[in-house]
Structure formats: structure tokens, C-alpha cells
Amino acid sequence: METNYIIIFDYSAGEVIKIKLTKEQIEESYKYDDFEAFLETLEDKYDFKLNNCLWMSTETYSERSFGF
């Protein structure tokens, strides 16, 4: 499975951050043995701190909302 999307749940800010990785970011992620180490390189660009977040990565993305 190739990671194309990262969904971050920032519980300190009450935010859901959805990132579609660029081709360059996907290629860069392969250089890391630990995917979290790659995510740390994205913290400043997307304004989050991993120690305040839960995250998941996925090949495809879909979203469902209820009551909004």
C-alpha cells in the first residue's frame, strides 16, 4: 500500500488535518525506516506537533459526516 494521504487528529487544537502528499513527499517518505520520523519533517509546514496528535495514513481517502 502506498501512502497518499495522512489524516492527523490534533487533539490540542481540536482540528482534523488532511494532507494529500505530493509525489516528492511520497518519494521522500521512503527514505525513512520509521514513518513517524518522516511525519516530523512535516510539522512546521502543516503546523502540528506529533506529540499532540493521533494520525493515520491511507492509500485512498473518503469522508463521511453526520449531523453537520
Protein backbone atom coordinates (compact mmCIF):
# COMPACT_ATOMS: atom_id res chain seq x y z
CA MET A 1 0.00 0.00 0.00
CA GLU A 2 1.37 3.41 -0.96
CA THR A 3 0.64 6.24 1.42
CA ASN A 4 -1.05 9.06 -0.47
CA TYR A 5 -2.91 10.74 2.39
CA ILE A 6 -2.22 11.48 6.03
CA ILE A 7 -5.06 12.28 8.39
CA ILE A 8 -3.98 13.94 11.62
CA PHE A 9 -6.21 14.39 14.66
CA ASP A 10 -4.74 17.29 16.63
CA TYR A 11 -6.44 16.98 19.99
CA SER A 12 -4.72 20.05 21.47
CA ALA A 13 -6.30 22.32 18.83
CA GLY A 14 -9.45 20.29 18.13
CA GLU A 15 -8.51 20.02 14.45
CA VAL A 16 -8.53 17.38 11.77
CA ILE A 17 -5.68 17.97 9.33
CA LYS A 18 -5.92 16.22 5.95
CA ILE A 19 -2.78 16.12 3.82
CA LYS A 20 -2.54 14.79 0.28
CA LEU A 21 1.13 14.02 -0.19
CA THR A 22 2.89 15.26 -3.30
CA LYS A 23 4.86 12.85 -5.45
CA GLU A 24 8.04 14.34 -3.99
CA GLN A 25 6.82 13.84 -0.41
CA ILE A 26 5.88 10.22 -1.14
CA GLU A 27 9.35 9.57 -2.56
CA GLU A 28 10.94 11.31 0.44
CA SER A 29 8.94 9.16 2.87
CA TYR A 30 10.61 6.01 1.51
CA LYS A 31 13.95 7.27 2.82
CA TYR A 32 12.79 6.80 6.42
CA ASP A 33 12.64 3.47 8.23
CA ASP A 34 10.13 4.94 10.67
CA PHE A 35 7.17 6.77 9.10
CA GLU A 36 6.79 8.96 12.19
CA ALA A 37 10.30 10.30 11.56
CA PHE A 38 9.08 11.42 8.13
CA LEU A 39 5.98 13.00 9.69
CA GLU A 40 8.20 15.04 11.98
CA THR A 41 9.64 16.72 8.88
CA LEU A 42 6.13 17.97 8.03
CA GLU A 43 5.31 19.50 11.43
CA ASP A 44 6.38 23.08 10.65
CA LYS A 45 4.93 23.14 7.14
CA TYR A 46 1.47 22.00 8.27
CA ASP A 47 1.56 23.49 11.79
CA PHE A 48 1.12 20.45 14.04
CA LYS A 49 3.14 18.63 16.70
CA LEU A 50 3.09 14.84 16.64
CA ASN A 51 3.18 14.65 20.43
CA ASN A 52 -0.30 16.29 20.44
CA CYS A 53 -1.76 14.16 17.66
CA LEU A 54 -3.03 10.83 16.52
CA TRP A 55 -2.55 10.03 12.85
CA MET A 56 -3.27 7.51 10.16
CA SER A 57 -2.03 7.04 6.63
CA THR A 58 -4.02 5.66 3.74
CA GLU A 59 -3.81 5.00 0.04
CA THR A 60 -7.29 6.33 -0.72
CA TYR A 61 -9.39 8.92 1.07
CA SER A 62 -13.10 9.23 1.64
CA GLU A 63 -15.02 11.06 4.31
CA ARG A 64 -18.43 10.70 5.92
CA SER A 65 -20.02 13.29 8.22
CA PHE A 66 -23.13 13.09 10.34
CA GLY A 67 -25.07 15.93 11.93
CA PHE A 68 -23.07 18.82 10.42
